[in-house]
PDB file of all heavy atoms in Angstrom:
ATOM      1  N   ALA A   1       0.871  -1.196   0.003  1.00  0.00           N
ATOM      2  CA  ALA A   1      -0.014   0.001  -0.014  1.00  0.00           C
ATOM      3  C   ALA A   1       0.842   1.230   0.034  1.00  0.00           C
ATOM      4  O   ALA A   1       0.655   2.204  -0.665  1.00  0.00           O
ATOM      5  CB  ALA A   1      -0.906  -0.025   1.221  1.00  0.00           C
ATOM      6  N   GLY A   2       1.969   1.122   0.730  1.00  0.00           N
ATOM      7  CA  GLY A   2       2.879   2.285   0.849  1.00  0.00           C
ATOM      8  C   GLY A   2       3.653   2.530  -0.507  1.00  0.00           C
ATOM      9  O   GLY A   2       4.154   3.564  -0.762  1.00  0.00           O
ATOM     10  N   GLN A   3       3.730   1.478  -1.343  1.00  0.00           N
ATOM     11  CA  GLN A   3       4.449   1.537  -2.619  1.00  0.00           C
ATOM     12  C   GLN A   3       3.527   2.056  -3.713  1.00  0.00           C
ATOM     13  O   GLN A   3       3.822   2.195  -4.860  1.00  0.00           O
ATOM     14  CB  GLN A   3       4.951   0.241  -2.965  1.00  0.00           C
ATOM     15  CG  GLN A   3       6.060  -0.343  -2.252  1.00  0.00           C
ATOM     16  CD  GLN A   3       6.641  -1.613  -2.681  1.00  0.00           C
ATOM     17  OE1 GLN A   3       6.847  -1.899  -3.759  1.00  0.00           O
ATOM     18  NE2 GLN A   3       6.995  -2.591  -1.706  1.00  0.00           N
ATOM     19  N   GLY A   4       2.183   2.339  -3.332  1.00  0.00           N
ATOM     20  CA  GLY A   4       1.431   3.039  -4.301  1.00  0.00           C
ATOM     21  C   GLY A   4       0.217   2.089  -4.798  1.00  0.00           C
ATOM     22  O   GLY A   4      -0.283   2.349  -5.843  1.00  0.00           O
ATOM     23  N   TYR A   5      -0.078   1.122  -4.216  1.00  0.00           N
ATOM     24  CA  TYR A   5      -0.999   0.168  -4.607  1.00  0.00           C
ATOM     25  C   TYR A   5      -2.123  -0.020  -3.496  1.00  0.00           C
ATOM     26  O   TYR A   5      -2.473  -1.223  -3.222  1.00  0.00           O
ATOM     27  CB  TYR A   5      -0.468  -1.214  -4.925  1.00  0.00           C
ATOM     28  CG  TYR A   5       0.596  -1.137  -6.074  1.00  0.00           C
ATOM     29  CD1 TYR A   5       1.946  -1.332  -5.794  1.00  0.00           C
ATOM     30  CD2 TYR A   5       0.249  -0.725  -7.314  1.00  0.00           C
ATOM     31  CE1 TYR A   5       2.911  -1.498  -6.680  1.00  0.00           C
ATOM     32  CE2 TYR A   5       1.226  -0.700  -8.423  1.00  0.00           C
ATOM     33  CZ  TYR A   5       2.525  -0.976  -7.927  1.00  0.00           C
ATOM     34  OH  TYR A   5       3.493  -0.825  -9.031  1.00  0.00           O
ATOM     35  N   PRO A   6      -2.636   1.023  -3.004  1.00  0.00           N
ATOM     36  CA  PRO A   6      -3.687   0.914  -1.756  1.00  0.00           C
ATOM     37  C   PRO A   6      -4.859   0.227  -2.272  1.00  0.00           C
ATOM     38  O   PRO A   6      -5.520  -0.537  -1.402  1.00  0.00           O
ATOM     39  CB  PRO A   6      -3.796   2.334  -1.312  1.00  0.00           C
ATOM     40  CG  PRO A   6      -3.451   3.184  -2.545  1.00  0.00           C
ATOM     41  CD  PRO A   6      -2.360   2.431  -3.179  1.00  0.00           C
ATOM     42  N   ALA A   7      -5.446   0.479  -3.484  1.00  0.00           N
ATOM     43  CA  ALA A   7      -6.647  -0.083  -3.899  1.00  0.00           C
ATOM     44  C   ALA A   7      -6.535  -1.565  -4.067  1.00  0.00           C
ATOM     45  O   ALA A   7      -7.512  -2.348  -3.594  1.00  0.00           O
ATOM     46  CB  ALA A   7      -7.062   0.602  -5.296  1.00  0.00           C
ATOM     47  N   GLU A   8      -5.382  -2.093  -4.675  1.00  0.00           N
ATOM     48  CA  GLU A   8      -5.192  -3.492  -4.737  1.00  0.00           C
ATOM     49  C   GLU A   8      -5.045  -4.151  -3.402  1.00  0.00           C
ATOM     50  O   GLU A   8      -5.594  -5.262  -3.200  1.00  0.00           O
ATOM     51  CB  GLU A   8      -3.974  -3.718  -5.593  1.00  0.00           C
ATOM     52  CG  GLU A   8      -4.140  -3.544  -7.035  1.00  0.00           C
ATOM     53  CD  GLU A   8      -3.775  -2.012  -7.450  1.00  0.00           C
ATOM     54  OE1 GLU A   8      -3.834  -1.186  -6.547  1.00  0.00           O
ATOM     55  OE2 GLU A   8      -3.422  -1.777  -8.642  1.00  0.00           O
ATOM     56  N   MET A   9      -4.453  -3.501  -2.493  1.00  0.00           N
ATOM     57  CA  MET A   9      -4.375  -4.214  -1.216  1.00  0.00           C
ATOM     58  C   MET A   9      -5.649  -4.163  -0.449  1.00  0.00           C
ATOM     59  O   MET A   9      -5.976  -5.123   0.350  1.00  0.00           O
ATOM     60  CB  MET A   9      -3.344  -3.251  -0.309  1.00  0.00           C
ATOM     61  CG  MET A   9      -1.888  -3.302  -0.943  1.00  0.00           C
ATOM     62  SD  MET A   9      -1.270  -4.947  -1.268  1.00  0.00           S
ATOM     63  CE  MET A   9      -1.667  -5.019  -3.019  1.00  0.00           C
ATOM     64  N   LYS A  10      -6.496  -3.206  -0.629  1.00  0.00           N
ATOM     65  CA  LYS A  10      -7.828  -3.240   0.041  1.00  0.00           C
ATOM     66  C   LYS A  10      -8.602  -4.399  -0.558  1.00  0.00           C
ATOM     67  O   LYS A  10      -9.300  -5.073   0.147  1.00  0.00           O
ATOM     68  CB  LYS A  10      -8.512  -1.865  -0.266  1.00  0.00           C
ATOM     69  CG  LYS A  10      -9.836  -1.758   0.528  1.00  0.00           C
ATOM     70  CD  LYS A  10     -10.466  -0.356   0.246  1.00  0.00           C
ATOM     71  CE  LYS A  10     -11.698  -0.267   0.915  1.00  0.00           C
ATOM     72  NZ  LYS A  10     -12.361   1.034   0.775  1.00  0.00           N
ATOM     73  N   LYS A  11      -8.510  -4.677  -1.853  1.00  0.00           N
ATOM     74  CA  LYS A  11      -9.342  -5.672  -2.383  1.00  0.00           C
ATOM     75  C   LYS A  11      -8.749  -7.105  -1.990  1.00  0.00           C
ATOM     76  O   LYS A  11      -9.525  -8.064  -1.683  1.00  0.00           O
ATOM     77  CB  LYS A  11      -9.114  -5.656  -4.045  1.00  0.00           C
ATOM     78  CG  LYS A  11      -9.900  -4.485  -4.568  1.00  0.00           C
ATOM     79  CD  LYS A  11      -9.568  -4.464  -6.024  1.00  0.00           C
ATOM     80  CE  LYS A  11     -10.113  -3.143  -6.736  1.00  0.00           C
ATOM     81  NZ  LYS A  11      -9.740  -3.111  -8.039  1.00  0.00           N
ATOM     82  N   LEU A  12      -7.452  -7.160  -1.813  1.00  0.00           N
ATOM     83  CA  LEU A  12      -6.881  -8.437  -1.237  1.00  0.00           C
ATOM     84  C   LEU A  12      -7.179  -8.709   0.101  1.00  0.00           C
ATOM     85  O   LEU A  12      -7.579  -9.861   0.512  1.00  0.00           O
ATOM     86  CB  LEU A  12      -5.334  -8.399  -1.406  1.00  0.00           C
ATOM     87  CG  LEU A  12      -4.797  -8.610  -2.827  1.00  0.00           C
ATOM     88  CD1 LEU A  12      -3.372  -8.326  -2.873  1.00  0.00           C
ATOM     89  CD2 LEU A  12      -5.159  -9.948  -3.414  1.00  0.00           C
ATOM     90  N   GLN A  13      -7.245  -7.586   0.949  1.00  0.00           N
ATOM     91  CA  GLN A  13      -7.611  -7.801   2.371  1.00  0.00           C
ATOM     92  C   GLN A  13      -9.093  -8.274   2.350  1.00  0.00           C
ATOM     93  O   GLN A  13      -9.488  -9.030   3.339  1.00  0.00           O
ATOM     94  CB  GLN A  13      -7.460  -6.552   3.014  1.00  0.00           C
ATOM     95  CG  GLN A  13      -6.071  -6.138   3.356  1.00  0.00           C
ATOM     96  CD  GLN A  13      -5.973  -4.821   3.966  1.00  0.00           C
ATOM     97  OE1 GLN A  13      -6.586  -3.848   3.712  1.00  0.00           O
ATOM     98  NE2 GLN A  13      -4.958  -4.686   4.929  1.00  0.00           N
ATOM     99  N   ALA A  14      -9.856  -7.953   1.486  1.00  0.00           N
ATOM    100  CA  ALA A  14     -11.428  -8.359   1.491  1.00  0.00           C
ATOM    101  C   ALA A  14     -11.591  -9.850   1.197  1.00  0.00           C
ATOM    102  O   ALA A  14     -12.620 -10.362   1.315  1.00  0.00           O
ATOM    103  CB  ALA A  14     -12.136  -7.517   0.493  1.00  0.00           C
ATOM    104  N   ARG A  15     -10.589 -10.568   0.680  1.00  0.00           N
ATOM    105  CA  ARG A  15     -10.741 -11.893   0.194  1.00  0.00           C
ATOM    106  C   ARG A  15     -11.131 -12.847   1.431  1.00  0.00           C
ATOM    107  O   ARG A  15     -11.677 -13.904   1.151  1.00  0.00           O
ATOM    108  CB  ARG A  15      -9.462 -12.398  -0.434  1.00  0.00           C
ATOM    109  CG  ARG A  15      -9.347 -11.928  -1.804  1.00  0.00           C
ATOM    110  CD  ARG A  15      -8.061 -12.470  -2.484  1.00  0.00           C
ATOM    111  NE  ARG A  15      -8.275 -13.920  -2.677  1.00  0.00           N
ATOM    112  CZ  ARG A  15      -9.100 -14.461  -3.804  1.00  0.00           C
ATOM    113  NH1 ARG A  15      -9.538 -13.689  -4.486  1.00  0.00           N
ATOM    114  NH2 ARG A  15      -9.145 -15.794  -3.893  1.00  0.00           N
ATOM    115  N   GLY A  16     -10.976 -12.356   2.610  1.00  0.00           N
ATOM    116  CA  GLY A  16     -11.410 -13.331   3.768  1.00  0.00           C
ATOM    117  C   GLY A  16     -12.927 -13.235   3.864  1.00  0.00           C
ATOM    118  O   GLY A  16     -13.498 -13.932   4.599  1.00  0.00           O
ATOM    119  N   GLY A  17     -13.539 -12.273   3.230  1.00  0.00           N
ATOM    120  CA  GLY A  17     -14.926 -12.053   3.227  1.00  0.00           C
ATOM    121  C   GLY A  17     -15.667 -12.803   2.252  1.00  0.00           C
ATOM    122  O   GLY A  17     -15.165 -13.953   1.737  1.00  0.00           O
ATOM    123  N   GLY A  18     -16.969 -12.526   1.771  1.00  0.00           N
ATOM    124  CA  GLY A  18     -17.683 -13.237   0.827  1.00  0.00           C
ATOM    125  C   GLY A  18     -18.540 -14.388   1.549  1.00  0.00           C
ATOM    126  O   GLY A  18     -18.282 -14.607   2.810  1.00  0.00           O
ATOM    127  N   PRO A  19     -19.439 -14.862   0.925  1.00  0.00           N
ATOM    128  CA  PRO A  19     -20.368 -15.884   1.582  1.00  0.00           C
ATOM    129  C   PRO A  19     -19.625 -17.103   1.902  1.00  0.00           C
ATOM    130  O   PRO A  19     -18.707 -17.596   1.342  1.00  0.00           O
ATOM    131  CB  PRO A  19     -21.460 -16.188   0.535  1.00  0.00           C
ATOM    132  CG  PRO A  19     -20.771 -15.822  -0.789  1.00  0.00           C
ATOM    133  CD  PRO A  19     -19.911 -14.672  -0.447  1.00  0.00           C
ATOM    134  N   GLN A  20     -19.915 -17.627   3.158  1.00  0.00           N
ATOM    135  CA  GLN A  20     -19.384 -18.913   3.528  1.00  0.00           C
ATOM    136  C   GLN A  20     -20.237 -20.126   3.044  1.00  0.00           C
ATOM    137  O   GLN A  20     -21.432 -19.917   2.601  1.00  0.00           O
ATOM    138  CB  GLN A  20     -19.275 -19.032   5.126  1.00  0.00           C
ATOM    139  CG  GLN A  20     -18.589 -17.771   5.667  1.00  0.00           C
ATOM    140  CD  GLN A  20     -17.135 -17.752   5.393  1.00  0.00           C
ATOM    141  OE1 GLN A  20     -16.472 -18.906   5.448  1.00  0.00           O
ATOM    142  NE2 GLN A  20     -16.586 -16.703   5.126  1.00  0.00           N
ATOM    143  N   VAL A  21     -19.651 -21.334   3.095  1.00  0.00           N
ATOM    144  CA  VAL A  21     -20.519 -22.539   2.805  1.00  0.00           C
ATOM    145  C   VAL A  21     -21.761 -22.478   3.755  1.00  0.00           C
ATOM    146  O   VAL A  21     -21.626 -22.442   4.960  1.00  0.00           O
ATOM    147  CB  VAL A  21     -19.610 -23.877   2.882  1.00  0.00           C
ATOM    148  CG1 VAL A  21     -20.571 -25.026   2.803  1.00  0.00           C
ATOM    149  CG2 VAL A  21     -18.570 -23.846   1.925  1.00  0.00           C
ATOM    150  N   GLY A  22     -22.871 -22.744   3.171  1.00  0.00           N
ATOM    151  CA  GLY A  22     -24.119 -22.763   3.877  1.00  0.00           C
ATOM    152  C   GLY A  22     -24.846 -21.434   3.827  1.00  0.00           C
ATOM    153  O   GLY A  22     -26.019 -21.462   4.131  1.00  0.00           O
ATOM    154  N   ASP A  23     -24.180 -20.310   3.565  1.00  0.00           N
ATOM    155  CA  ASP A  23     -24.835 -19.067   3.371  1.00  0.00           C
ATOM    156  C   ASP A  23     -25.654 -18.931   2.141  1.00  0.00           C
ATOM    157  O   ASP A  23     -25.312 -19.580   1.120  1.00  0.00           O
ATOM    158  CB  ASP A  23     -23.848 -17.961   3.435  1.00  0.00           C
ATOM    159  CG  ASP A  23     -23.120 -17.692   4.708  1.00  0.00           C
ATOM    160  OD1 ASP A  23     -23.641 -18.246   5.738  1.00  0.00           O
ATOM    161  OD2 ASP A  23     -22.184 -16.911   4.740  1.00  0.00           O
ATOM    162  N   VAL A  24     -26.696 -18.246   2.143  1.00  0.00           N
ATOM    163  CA  VAL A  24     -27.410 -17.838   0.857  1.00  0.00           C
ATOM    164  C   VAL A  24     -26.554 -17.074  -0.065  1.00  0.00           C
ATOM    165  O   VAL A  24     -25.910 -16.087   0.359  1.00  0.00           O
ATOM    166  CB  VAL A  24     -28.608 -17.091   1.133  1.00  0.00           C
ATOM    167  CG1 VAL A  24     -29.325 -16.623  -0.099  1.00  0.00           C
ATOM    168  CG2 VAL A  24     -29.656 -17.855   1.979  1.00  0.00           C
ATOM    169  N   ALA A  25     -26.295 -17.454  -1.282  1.00  0.00           N
ATOM    170  CA  ALA A  25     -25.418 -16.658  -2.214  1.00  0.00           C
ATOM    171  C   ALA A  25     -26.102 -15.414  -2.602  1.00  0.00           C
ATOM    172  O   ALA A  25     -27.292 -15.315  -2.879  1.00  0.00           O
ATOM    173  CB  ALA A  25     -25.269 -17.508  -3.468  1.00  0.00           C
TER     174      ALA A  25
END
């Protein structure tokens, strides 16, 4: 993020999210 890629890093950090198995898609 400090090297100039904050948007990409924010998206990568979000990868822990999203629906889990058993959740309504």
